[in-house]
């Protein structure tokens, strides 16, 4: 006489199968978002608060015997990042075990769950850029502006821009953006030696990226026999990065070296890393398997990314 089929018996069979297949797919992922976002551990609360300080203006020349000048820094703004919980699960029933379908379902569904978890992470990251020009987007910066704006606030009362005039990606339009980046200042108007790192686009511009970055001659006017300085100067040492979840066929971006651990331009703030758990549910006669994470994508300093809507 065969042993009765129980939830405990089902769990003992499918739990290691689900974990092995989930990890097998999830651990092989290639996180596109990590190429443009700086990730760090956030505060152990319901949200992370980042306070942005500003420093001083230029130091004045002081003559012999003259009193020293003093300046005051301060808080430019505080940004609240409420964590998003991303969670999903599935169940395998006792009837599936009775019908000898439980192993196949455990293998396939656990892979689908892994794919759903990392796909959501990539999509939430890409949406920072997808909605970066939208003033009505629910997520705005510390200055109540979208990521890309011509009127970001400065502590000295002026504004700065991290957008350029909408234009199709070309050598000329990219040069204009690189010049704008090189002229960037801090909140008090001091030059900060901001450096461009890589061109960021959707798959629609994959081939145009190579034309602009790697052509020896000026790709805008190849018959002129002029060089392409972007290529010869290696102006973007990081090359290009395709973010496949970007939705615009024409928008393009340049990531700067502000996306570092100390400066934190575009950020991924982690609250709880991926966790997985299994439980038995008596009411539905299923073994349930779920995965969850808590994190938030956003930006602290918009100088971490410059954008162009394209044409």
C-alpha atoms as a PDB file:
ATOM      1  CA  UNK A   1       0.000   0.000   0.000  1.00  0.00           C
ATOM      2  CA  UNK A   2       1.477   3.358  -1.072  1.00  0.00           C
ATOM      3  CA  UNK A   3       2.032   6.098   1.466  1.00  0.00           C
ATOM      4  CA  UNK A   4      -0.554   8.891   1.459  1.00  0.00           C
ATOM      5  CA  UNK A   5       0.345  12.067  -0.401  1.00  0.00           C
ATOM      6  CA  UNK A   6       0.753  14.916   2.064  1.00  0.00           C
ATOM      7  CA  UNK A   7       1.758  18.547   1.826  1.00  0.00           C
ATOM      8  CA  UNK A   8       4.883  17.775   3.813  1.00  0.00           C
ATOM      9  CA  UNK A   9       5.861  15.050   1.381  1.00  0.00           C
ATOM     10  CA  UNK A  10       5.202  17.353  -1.557  1.00  0.00           C
ATOM     11  CA  UNK A  11       7.285  20.104   0.026  1.00  0.00           C
ATOM     12  CA  UNK A  12      10.207  17.773   0.670  1.00  0.00           C
ATOM     13  CA  UNK A  13      10.280  16.887  -3.012  1.00  0.00           C
ATOM     14  CA  UNK A  14       9.715  20.242  -4.709  1.00  0.00           C
ATOM     15  CA  UNK A  15      11.462  22.714  -2.386  1.00  0.00           C
ATOM     16  CA  UNK A  16      15.053  21.770  -3.335  1.00  0.00           C
ATOM     17  CA  UNK A  17      14.034  21.559  -7.000  1.00  0.00           C
ATOM     18  CA  UNK A  18      12.536  25.048  -6.927  1.00  0.00           C
ATOM     19  CA  UNK A  19      15.528  26.570  -5.150  1.00  0.00           C
ATOM     20  CA  UNK A  20      18.022  24.942  -7.501  1.00  0.00           C
ATOM     21  CA  UNK A  21      16.206  26.069 -10.649  1.00  0.00           C
ATOM     22  CA  UNK A  22      15.521  29.562  -9.308  1.00  0.00           C
ATOM     23  CA  UNK A  23      19.170  30.092  -8.378  1.00  0.00           C
ATOM     24  CA  UNK A  24      20.397  28.539 -11.603  1.00  0.00           C
ATOM     25  CA  UNK A  25      18.618  31.177 -13.687  1.00  0.00           C
ATOM     26  CA  UNK A  26      18.796  34.143 -11.315  1.00  0.00           C
ATOM     27  CA  UNK A  27      22.538  33.826 -10.710  1.00  0.00           C
ATOM     28  CA  UNK A  28      23.239  33.901 -14.460  1.00  0.00           C
ATOM     29  CA  UNK A  29      21.474  37.218 -15.025  1.00  0.00           C
ATOM     30  CA  UNK A  30      23.357  40.216 -16.386  1.00  0.00           C
ATOM     31  CA  UNK A  31      22.194  43.319 -14.550  1.00  0.00           C
ATOM     32  CA  UNK A  32      22.119  46.182 -17.048  1.00  0.00           C
ATOM     33  CA  UNK A  33      21.134  48.643 -14.339  1.00  0.00           C
ATOM     34  CA  UNK A  34      24.413  48.107 -12.472  1.00  0.00           C
ATOM     35  CA  UNK A  35      26.298  49.744 -15.355  1.00  0.00           C
ATOM     36  CA  UNK A  36      24.719  53.166 -14.682  1.00  0.00           C
ATOM     37  CA  UNK A  37      23.426  53.064 -11.078  1.00  0.00           C
ATOM     38  CA  UNK A  38      25.456  53.145  -7.884  1.00  0.00           C
ATOM     39  CA  UNK A  39      24.119  50.639  -5.350  1.00  0.00           C
ATOM     40  CA  UNK A  40      24.407  50.966  -1.586  1.00  0.00           C
ATOM     41  CA  UNK A  41      22.682  49.809   1.588  1.00  0.00           C
ATOM     42  CA  UNK A  42      19.955  52.166   2.765  1.00  0.00           C
ATOM     43  CA  UNK A  43      18.704  53.045   6.209  1.00  0.00           C
ATOM     44  CA  UNK A  44      16.944  50.259   8.110  1.00  0.00           C
ATOM     45  CA  UNK A  45      13.591  52.012   8.091  1.00  0.00           C
ATOM     46  CA  UNK A  46      10.586  52.290   5.798  1.00  0.00           C
ATOM     47  CA  UNK A  47      12.447  54.840   3.671  1.00  0.00           C
ATOM     48  CA  UNK A  48      15.917  56.214   3.146  1.00  0.00           C
ATOM     49  CA  UNK A  49      16.555  59.938   3.579  1.00  0.00           C
ATOM     50  CA  UNK A  50      19.501  61.534   1.821  1.00  0.00           C
ATOM     51  CA  UNK A  51      20.541  65.068   2.749  1.00  0.00           C
ATOM     52  CA  UNK A  52      22.391  66.990   0.034  1.00  0.00           C
ATOM     53  CA  UNK A  53      24.786  69.625   1.333  1.00  0.00           C
ATOM     54  CA  UNK A  54      26.413  72.487  -0.527  1.00  0.00           C
ATOM     55  CA  UNK A  55      29.849  73.909   0.213  1.00  0.00           C
ATOM     56  CA  UNK A  56      31.548  77.217  -0.406  1.00  0.00           C
ATOM     57  CA  UNK A  57      32.250  79.631  -3.224  1.00  0.00           C
ATOM     58  CA  UNK A  58      35.715  80.342  -4.601  1.00  0.00           C
ATOM     59  CA  UNK A  59      38.346  81.329  -2.051  1.00  0.00           C
ATOM     60  CA  UNK A  60      39.155  85.054  -2.393  1.00  0.00           C
ATOM     61  CA  UNK A  61      42.620  86.564  -2.602  1.00  0.00           C
ATOM     62  CA  UNK A  62      43.549  87.960   0.815  1.00  0.00           C
ATOM     63  CA  UNK A  63      46.168  90.668   1.195  1.00  0.00           C
ATOM     64  CA  UNK A  64      48.800  90.876   3.909  1.00  0.00           C
ATOM     65  CA  UNK A  65      47.205  91.741   7.242  1.00  0.00           C
ATOM     66  CA  UNK A  66      43.658  91.552   5.869  1.00  0.00           C
ATOM     67  CA  UNK A  67      41.061  89.572   7.808  1.00  0.00           C
ATOM     68  CA  UNK A  68      40.200  86.089   6.642  1.00  0.00           C
ATOM     69  CA  UNK A  69      36.902  85.640   4.813  1.00  0.00           C
ATOM     70  CA  UNK A  70      34.402  83.036   5.989  1.00  0.00           C
ATOM     71  CA  UNK A  71      31.689  81.332   3.996  1.00  0.00           C
ATOM     72  CA  UNK A  72      28.792  79.157   5.070  1.00  0.00           C
ATOM     73  CA  UNK A  73      27.640  75.870   3.630  1.00  0.00           C
ATOM     74  CA  UNK A  74      24.259  74.359   4.233  1.00  0.00           C
ATOM     75  CA  UNK A  75      21.570  71.930   3.183  1.00  0.00           C
ATOM     76  CA  UNK A  76      20.452  72.184  -0.399  1.00  0.00           C
ATOM     77  CA  UNK A  77      17.661  69.645  -0.070  1.00  0.00           C
ATOM     78  CA  UNK A  78      16.637  66.362   1.513  1.00  0.00           C
ATOM     79  CA  UNK A  79      15.315  63.483  -0.552  1.00  0.00           C
ATOM     80  CA  UNK A  80      13.036  60.782   0.808  1.00  0.00           C
ATOM     81  CA  UNK A  81      13.272  57.380  -0.881  1.00  0.00           C
ATOM     82  CA  UNK A  82      10.407  55.107   0.277  1.00  0.00           C
ATOM     83  CA  UNK A  83      11.376  51.516  -0.410  1.00  0.00           C
ATOM     84  CA  UNK A  84       9.463  49.454  -2.950  1.00  0.00           C
ATOM     85  CA  UNK A  85       8.698  45.869  -2.038  1.00  0.00           C
ATOM     86  CA  UNK A  86       8.814  43.563  -5.040  1.00  0.00           C
ATOM     87  CA  UNK A  87       7.306  40.152  -4.353  1.00  0.00           C
ATOM     88  CA  UNK A  88       5.757  37.257  -6.252  1.00  0.00           C
ATOM     89  CA  UNK A  89       5.001  33.609  -5.648  1.00  0.00           C
ATOM     90  CA  UNK A  90       3.293  30.506  -6.969  1.00  0.00           C
ATOM     91  CA  UNK A  91       1.843  27.286  -5.643  1.00  0.00           C
ATOM     92  CA  UNK A  92       2.019  23.602  -6.545  1.00  0.00           C
ATOM     93  CA  UNK A  93      -0.963  21.527  -5.545  1.00  0.00           C
ATOM     94  CA  UNK A  94      -1.335  18.057  -4.134  1.00  0.00           C
ATOM     95  CA  UNK A  95      -3.283  17.126  -7.250  1.00  0.00           C
ATOM     96  CA  UNK A  96      -0.217  17.974  -9.338  1.00  0.00           C
ATOM     97  CA  UNK A  97       1.715  15.431  -7.262  1.00  0.00           C
ATOM     98  CA  UNK A  98      -1.063  12.880  -7.631  1.00  0.00           C
ATOM     99  CA  UNK A  99      -0.843  13.354 -11.387  1.00  0.00           C
ATOM    100  CA  UNK A 100       2.999  13.250 -11.379  1.00  0.00           C
ATOM    101  CA  UNK A 101       3.240  16.821 -12.683  1.00  0.00           C
ATOM    102  CA  UNK A 102       4.800  18.403  -9.612  1.00  0.00           C
ATOM    103  CA  UNK A 103       8.463  18.056 -10.582  1.00  0.00           C
ATOM    104  CA  UNK A 104       7.967  19.534 -14.038  1.00  0.00           C
ATOM    105  CA  UNK A 105       5.925  22.425 -12.625  1.00  0.00           C
ATOM    106  CA  UNK A 106       8.486  23.095  -9.880  1.00  0.00           C
ATOM    107  CA  UNK A 107      11.290  23.317 -12.436  1.00  0.00           C
ATOM    108  CA  UNK A 108       9.467  25.575 -14.872  1.00  0.00           C
ATOM    109  CA  UNK A 109       7.628  27.876 -12.468  1.00  0.00           C
ATOM    110  CA  UNK A 110      10.708  28.561 -10.334  1.00  0.00           C
ATOM    111  CA  UNK A 111      12.593  29.722 -13.445  1.00  0.00           C
ATOM    112  CA  UNK A 112       9.691  31.949 -14.417  1.00  0.00           C
ATOM    113  CA  UNK A 113       9.686  33.432 -10.912  1.00  0.00           C
ATOM    114  CA  UNK A 114      13.399  34.225 -11.121  1.00  0.00           C
ATOM    115  CA  UNK A 115      12.860  35.889 -14.475  1.00  0.00           C
ATOM    116  CA  UNK A 116       9.989  37.975 -13.096  1.00  0.00           C
ATOM    117  CA  UNK A 117      12.084  39.197 -10.183  1.00  0.00           C
ATOM    118  CA  UNK A 118      15.035  40.441 -12.202  1.00  0.00           C
ATOM    119  CA  UNK A 119      12.851  41.747 -15.020  1.00  0.00           C
ATOM    120  CA  UNK A 120      11.018  44.009 -12.569  1.00  0.00           C
ATOM    121  CA  UNK A 121      14.336  45.303 -11.239  1.00  0.00           C
ATOM    122  CA  UNK A 122      15.536  46.157 -14.745  1.00  0.00           C
ATOM    123  CA  UNK A 123      12.230  47.832 -15.615  1.00  0.00           C
ATOM    124  CA  UNK A 124      12.133  49.993 -12.474  1.00  0.00           C
ATOM    125  CA  UNK A 125      15.699  51.112 -13.184  1.00  0.00           C
ATOM    126  CA  UNK A 126      14.975  51.917 -16.825  1.00  0.00           C
ATOM    127  CA  UNK A 127      11.879  53.902 -15.857  1.00  0.00           C
ATOM    128  CA  UNK A 128      14.088  56.454 -14.095  1.00  0.00           C
ATOM    129  CA  UNK A 129      15.259  57.370 -17.598  1.00  0.00           C
ATOM    130  CA  UNK A 130      12.005  56.569 -19.421  1.00  0.00           C
ATOM    131  CA  UNK A 131      10.127  59.135 -17.322  1.00  0.00           C
ATOM    132  CA  UNK A 132      13.106  61.382 -16.715  1.00  0.00           C
ATOM    133  CA  UNK A 133      11.754  64.242 -18.841  1.00  0.00           C
ATOM    134  CA  UNK A 134       8.230  64.062 -17.383  1.00  0.00           C
ATOM    135  CA  UNK A 135       7.288  66.820 -14.916  1.00  0.00           C
ATOM    136  CA  UNK A 136       4.181  64.907 -13.824  1.00  0.00           C
ATOM    137  CA  UNK A 137       6.004  61.677 -12.993  1.00  0.00           C
ATOM    138  CA  UNK A 138       5.412  60.595  -9.410  1.00  0.00           C
ATOM    139  CA  UNK A 139       9.136  60.451  -8.661  1.00  0.00           C
ATOM    140  CA  UNK A 140      10.883  63.829  -8.689  1.00  0.00           C
ATOM    141  CA  UNK A 141      14.233  64.964  -7.322  1.00  0.00           C
ATOM    142  CA  UNK A 142      15.091  66.947  -4.223  1.00  0.00           C
ATOM    143  CA  UNK A 143      14.485  70.183  -6.144  1.00  0.00           C
ATOM    144  CA  UNK A 144      11.000  68.979  -7.225  1.00  0.00           C
ATOM    145  CA  UNK A 145      12.234  68.613 -10.797  1.00  0.00           C
ATOM    146  CA  UNK A 146      12.351  65.523 -12.992  1.00  0.00           C
ATOM    147  CA  UNK A 147      15.737  63.932 -13.526  1.00  0.00           C
ATOM    148  CA  UNK A 148      16.308  65.862 -16.754  1.00  0.00           C
ATOM    149  CA  UNK A 149      15.597  69.568 -16.464  1.00  0.00           C
ATOM    150  CA  UNK A 150      16.977  72.879 -17.693  1.00  0.00           C
ATOM    151  CA  UNK A 151      16.127  74.530 -14.356  1.00  0.00           C
ATOM    152  CA  UNK A 152      17.691  72.451 -11.580  1.00  0.00           C
ATOM    153  CA  UNK A 153      18.135  74.614  -8.489  1.00  0.00           C
ATOM    154  CA  UNK A 154      21.523  75.798  -7.232  1.00  0.00           C
ATOM    155  CA  UNK A 155      22.328  77.125  -3.770  1.00  0.00           C
ATOM    156  CA  UNK A 156      23.474  80.479  -5.188  1.00  0.00           C
ATOM    157  CA  UNK A 157      20.023  81.166  -6.665  1.00  0.00           C
ATOM    158  CA  UNK A 158      20.948  80.182 -10.212  1.00  0.00           C
ATOM    159  CA  UNK A 159      19.930  77.066 -12.098  1.00  0.00           C
ATOM    160  CA  UNK A 160      21.754  74.443 -14.117  1.00  0.00           C
ATOM    161  CA  UNK A 161      20.723  72.128 -16.930  1.00  0.00           C
ATOM    162  CA  UNK A 162      21.442  68.474 -17.608  1.00  0.00           C
ATOM    163  CA  UNK A 163      19.540  68.435 -20.906  1.00  0.00           C
ATOM    164  CA  UNK A 164      20.510  69.568 -24.366  1.00  0.00           C
ATOM    165  CA  UNK A 165      18.305  70.792 -27.233  1.00  0.00           C
ATOM    166  CA  UNK A 166      16.402  67.810 -28.687  1.00  0.00           C
ATOM    167  CA  UNK A 167      18.368  66.395 -31.598  1.00  0.00           C
ATOM    168  CA  UNK A 168      19.011  63.067 -33.218  1.00  0.00           C
ATOM    169  CA  UNK A 169      22.122  61.300 -31.971  1.00  0.00           C
ATOM    170  CA  UNK A 170      25.039  62.460 -34.119  1.00  0.00           C
ATOM    171  CA  UNK A 171      28.628  63.515 -33.690  1.00  0.00           C
ATOM    172  CA  UNK A 172      27.586  67.156 -33.504  1.00  0.00           C
ATOM    173  CA  UNK A 173      24.777  66.681 -30.965  1.00  0.00           C
ATOM    174  CA  UNK A 174      26.946  64.442 -28.794  1.00  0.00           C
ATOM    175  CA  UNK A 175      29.776  66.981 -28.906  1.00  0.00           C
ATOM    176  CA  UNK A 176      27.343  69.653 -27.667  1.00  0.00           C
ATOM    177  CA  UNK A 177      26.440  67.487 -24.689  1.00  0.00           C
ATOM    178  CA  UNK A 178      30.057  66.653 -23.884  1.00  0.00           C
ATOM    179  CA  UNK A 179      30.921  70.354 -23.887  1.00  0.00           C
ATOM    180  CA  UNK A 180      28.000  71.070 -21.556  1.00  0.00           C
ATOM    181  CA  UNK A 181      29.193  68.359 -19.181  1.00  0.00           C
ATOM    182  CA  UNK A 182      32.719  69.789 -19.147  1.00  0.00           C
ATOM    183  CA  UNK A 183      31.305  73.189 -18.078  1.00  0.00           C
ATOM    184  CA  UNK A 184      29.319  71.786 -15.129  1.00  0.00           C
ATOM    185  CA  UNK A 185      29.470  73.579 -11.792  1.00  0.00           C
ATOM    186  CA  UNK A 186      28.518  72.709  -8.244  1.00  0.00           C
ATOM    187  CA  UNK A 187      25.703  74.297  -6.223  1.00  0.00           C
ATOM    188  CA  UNK A 188      27.810  77.418  -5.537  1.00  0.00           C
ATOM    189  CA  UNK A 189      28.946  77.843  -9.134  1.00  0.00           C
ATOM    190  CA  UNK A 190      32.440  76.289  -8.945  1.00  0.00           C
ATOM    191  CA  UNK A 191      33.615  74.097 -11.835  1.00  0.00           C
ATOM    192  CA  UNK A 192      33.634  70.459 -10.752  1.00  0.00           C
ATOM    193  CA  UNK A 193      35.569  68.724 -13.543  1.00  0.00           C
ATOM    194  CA  UNK A 194      32.680  66.449 -14.403  1.00  0.00           C
ATOM    195  CA  UNK A 195      33.691  63.729 -16.862  1.00  0.00           C
ATOM    196  CA  UNK A 196      31.493  61.836 -19.335  1.00  0.00           C
ATOM    197  CA  UNK A 197      31.809  58.071 -19.092  1.00  0.00           C
ATOM    198  CA  UNK A 198      29.462  56.286 -21.476  1.00  0.00           C
ATOM    199  CA  UNK A 199      26.681  56.743 -24.005  1.00  0.00           C
ATOM    200  CA  UNK A 200      23.396  55.156 -22.907  1.00  0.00           C
ATOM    201  CA  UNK A 201      20.604  54.302 -25.349  1.00  0.00           C
ATOM    202  CA  UNK A 202      17.827  51.880 -26.137  1.00  0.00           C
ATOM    203  CA  UNK A 203      18.389  49.037 -28.635  1.00  0.00           C
ATOM    204  CA  UNK A 204      16.924  51.251 -31.362  1.00  0.00           C
ATOM    205  CA  UNK A 205      20.164  53.263 -31.466  1.00  0.00           C
ATOM    206  CA  UNK A 206      22.580  50.368 -31.080  1.00  0.00           C
ATOM    207  CA  UNK A 207      24.070  50.758 -34.562  1.00  0.00           C
ATOM    208  CA  UNK A 208      24.055  54.566 -34.574  1.00  0.00           C
ATOM    209  CA  UNK A 209      26.061  54.404 -31.345  1.00  0.00           C
ATOM    210  CA  UNK A 210      28.853  52.611 -33.157  1.00  0.00           C
ATOM    211  CA  UNK A 211      28.798  55.072 -36.040  1.00  0.00           C
ATOM    212  CA  UNK A 212      29.117  58.070 -33.720  1.00  0.00           C
ATOM    213  CA  UNK A 213      31.665  56.569 -31.338  1.00  0.00           C
ATOM    214  CA  UNK A 214      33.921  54.609 -33.659  1.00  0.00           C
ATOM    215  CA  UNK A 215      33.931  56.240 -37.110  1.00  0.00           C
ATOM    216  CA  UNK A 216      37.385  57.565 -37.943  1.00  0.00           C
ATOM    217  CA  UNK A 217      35.980  60.315 -40.147  1.00  0.00           C
ATOM    218  CA  UNK A 218      33.210  62.739 -39.221  1.00  0.00           C
ATOM    219  CA  UNK A 219      30.078  60.594 -39.680  1.00  0.00           C
ATOM    220  CA  UNK A 220      27.915  63.714 -40.133  1.00  0.00           C
ATOM    221  CA  UNK A 221      29.910  64.852 -43.192  1.00  0.00           C
ATOM    222  CA  UNK A 222      32.113  61.919 -44.270  1.00  0.00           C
ATOM    223  CA  UNK A 223      33.005  63.539 -47.603  1.00  0.00           C
ATOM    224  CA  UNK A 224      34.713  66.451 -45.804  1.00  0.00           C
ATOM    225  CA  UNK A 225      37.605  64.205 -44.755  1.00  0.00           C
ATOM    226  CA  UNK A 226      37.434  65.675 -41.233  1.00  0.00           C
ATOM    227  CA  UNK A 227      38.253  63.407 -38.304  1.00  0.00           C
ATOM    228  CA  UNK A 228      35.752  62.280 -35.692  1.00  0.00           C
ATOM    229  CA  UNK A 229      37.255  63.729 -32.477  1.00  0.00           C
ATOM    230  CA  UNK A 230      34.921  61.668 -30.280  1.00  0.00           C
ATOM    231  CA  UNK A 231      36.649  58.588 -31.627  1.00  0.00           C
ATOM    232  CA  UNK A 232      40.221  59.890 -31.847  1.00  0.00           C
ATOM    233  CA  UNK A 233      40.095  61.504 -28.378  1.00  0.00           C
ATOM    234  CA  UNK A 234      38.338  58.511 -26.834  1.00  0.00           C
ATOM    235  CA  UNK A 235      35.938  61.032 -25.326  1.00  0.00           C
ATOM    236  CA  UNK A 236      33.734  58.281 -23.860  1.00  0.00           C
ATOM    237  CA  UNK A 237      36.065  55.697 -22.407  1.00  0.00           C
ATOM    238  CA  UNK A 238      33.146  53.533 -21.302  1.00  0.00           C
ATOM    239  CA  UNK A 239      31.823  53.215 -24.834  1.00  0.00           C
ATOM    240  CA  UNK A 240      28.114  52.660 -25.030  1.00  0.00           C
ATOM    241  CA  UNK A 241      25.599  50.833 -22.864  1.00  0.00           C
ATOM    242  CA  UNK A 242      22.366  49.436 -24.235  1.00  0.00           C
ATOM    243  CA  UNK A 243      19.519  49.435 -21.724  1.00  0.00           C
ATOM    244  CA  UNK A 244      16.988  47.130 -23.314  1.00  0.00           C
ATOM    245  CA  UNK A 245      14.015  48.347 -21.241  1.00  0.00           C
ATOM    246  CA  UNK A 246      14.339  51.938 -22.473  1.00  0.00           C
ATOM    247  CA  UNK A 247      11.249  52.696 -24.521  1.00  0.00           C
ATOM    248  CA  UNK A 248      12.130  55.753 -26.609  1.00  0.00           C
ATOM    249  CA  UNK A 249      13.519  55.030 -30.087  1.00  0.00           C
ATOM    250  CA  UNK A 250      15.208  58.432 -30.201  1.00  0.00           C
ATOM    251  CA  UNK A 251      16.235  59.540 -26.661  1.00  0.00           C
ATOM    252  CA  UNK A 252      19.878  59.187 -25.686  1.00  0.00           C
ATOM    253  CA  UNK A 253      21.902  59.846 -22.555  1.00  0.00           C
ATOM    254  CA  UNK A 254      25.435  60.264 -21.262  1.00  0.00           C
ATOM    255  CA  UNK A 255      26.401  58.892 -17.853  1.00  0.00           C
ATOM    256  CA  UNK A 256      29.068  60.834 -15.959  1.00  0.00           C
ATOM    257  CA  UNK A 257      31.616  59.895 -13.327  1.00  0.00           C
ATOM    258  CA  UNK A 258      29.329  61.313 -10.660  1.00  0.00           C
ATOM    259  CA  UNK A 259      27.818  57.827 -10.398  1.00  0.00           C
ATOM    260  CA  UNK A 260      30.381  56.707  -7.841  1.00  0.00           C
ATOM    261  CA  UNK A 261      30.155  55.558  -4.244  1.00  0.00           C
ATOM    262  CA  UNK A 262      31.033  58.988  -2.901  1.00  0.00           C
ATOM    263  CA  UNK A 263      28.943  61.190  -5.168  1.00  0.00           C
ATOM    264  CA  UNK A 264      25.872  59.083  -5.800  1.00  0.00           C
ATOM    265  CA  UNK A 265      24.260  60.371  -8.966  1.00  0.00           C
ATOM    266  CA  UNK A 266      21.836  57.630 -10.025  1.00  0.00           C
ATOM    267  CA  UNK A 267      21.257  55.241  -7.134  1.00  0.00           C
ATOM    268  CA  UNK A 268      19.887  51.841  -6.232  1.00  0.00           C
ATOM    269  CA  UNK A 269      19.192  51.855  -2.500  1.00  0.00           C
ATOM    270  CA  UNK A 270      18.909  48.365  -1.092  1.00  0.00           C
ATOM    271  CA  UNK A 271      16.795  47.633   1.981  1.00  0.00           C
ATOM    272  CA  UNK A 272      16.462  43.844   1.812  1.00  0.00           C
ATOM    273  CA  UNK A 273      18.212  41.592  -0.634  1.00  0.00           C
ATOM    274  CA  UNK A 274      16.438  38.764  -2.379  1.00  0.00           C
ATOM    275  CA  UNK A 275      14.815  36.292   0.002  1.00  0.00           C
ATOM    276  CA  UNK A 276      12.926  33.111  -0.836  1.00  0.00           C
ATOM    277  CA  UNK A 277      10.649  31.020   1.337  1.00  0.00           C
ATOM    278  CA  UNK A 278       8.361  28.007   1.169  1.00  0.00           C
ATOM    279  CA  UNK A 279       5.219  27.227   3.136  1.00  0.00           C
ATOM    280  CA  UNK A 280       2.384  24.742   3.182  1.00  0.00           C
ATOM    281  CA  UNK A 281      -1.155  26.044   2.793  1.00  0.00           C
ATOM    282  CA  UNK A 282      -3.789  23.696   4.239  1.00  0.00           C
ATOM    283  CA  UNK A 283      -6.774  25.596   2.801  1.00  0.00           C
ATOM    284  CA  UNK A 284      -5.674  25.316  -0.824  1.00  0.00           C
ATOM    285  CA  UNK A 285      -3.648  22.102  -0.486  1.00  0.00           C
ATOM    286  CA  UNK A 286      -0.626  23.717  -2.085  1.00  0.00           C
ATOM    287  CA  UNK A 287       3.035  24.196  -1.368  1.00  0.00           C
ATOM    288  CA  UNK A 288       3.719  27.877  -1.933  1.00  0.00           C
ATOM    289  CA  UNK A 289       7.030  29.329  -2.997  1.00  0.00           C
ATOM    290  CA  UNK A 290       7.722  33.067  -3.025  1.00  0.00           C
ATOM    291  CA  UNK A 291      10.505  35.582  -3.570  1.00  0.00           C
ATOM    292  CA  UNK A 292      10.712  39.168  -2.352  1.00  0.00           C
ATOM    293  CA  UNK A 293      13.070  42.153  -2.245  1.00  0.00           C
ATOM    294  CA  UNK A 294      12.961  45.749  -1.022  1.00  0.00           C
ATOM    295  CA  UNK A 295      14.827  48.534  -2.771  1.00  0.00           C
ATOM    296  CA  UNK A 296      14.419  51.884  -4.488  1.00  0.00           C
ATOM    297  CA  UNK A 297      15.827  53.385  -7.650  1.00  0.00           C
ATOM    298  CA  UNK A 298      16.301  57.128  -7.986  1.00  0.00           C
ATOM    299  CA  UNK A 299      18.912  59.851  -8.121  1.00  0.00           C
ATOM    300  CA  UNK A 300      20.584  62.151  -5.628  1.00  0.00           C
ATOM    301  CA  UNK A 301      22.500  64.486  -7.936  1.00  0.00           C
ATOM    302  CA  UNK A 302      21.058  64.851 -11.461  1.00  0.00           C
ATOM    303  CA  UNK A 303      24.546  65.599 -12.814  1.00  0.00           C
ATOM    304  CA  UNK A 304      25.047  61.835 -12.842  1.00  0.00           C
ATOM    305  CA  UNK A 305      23.172  61.599 -16.142  1.00  0.00           C
ATOM    306  CA  UNK A 306      22.597  64.031 -19.007  1.00  0.00           C
ATOM    307  CA  UNK A 307      19.744  63.498 -21.437  1.00  0.00           C
ATOM    308  CA  UNK A 308      18.443  64.392 -24.874  1.00  0.00           C
ATOM    309  CA  UNK A 309      14.943  63.561 -26.100  1.00  0.00           C
ATOM    310  CA  UNK A 310      16.221  62.995 -29.607  1.00  0.00           C
ATOM    311  CA  UNK A 311      14.270  63.481 -32.800  1.00  0.00           C
END
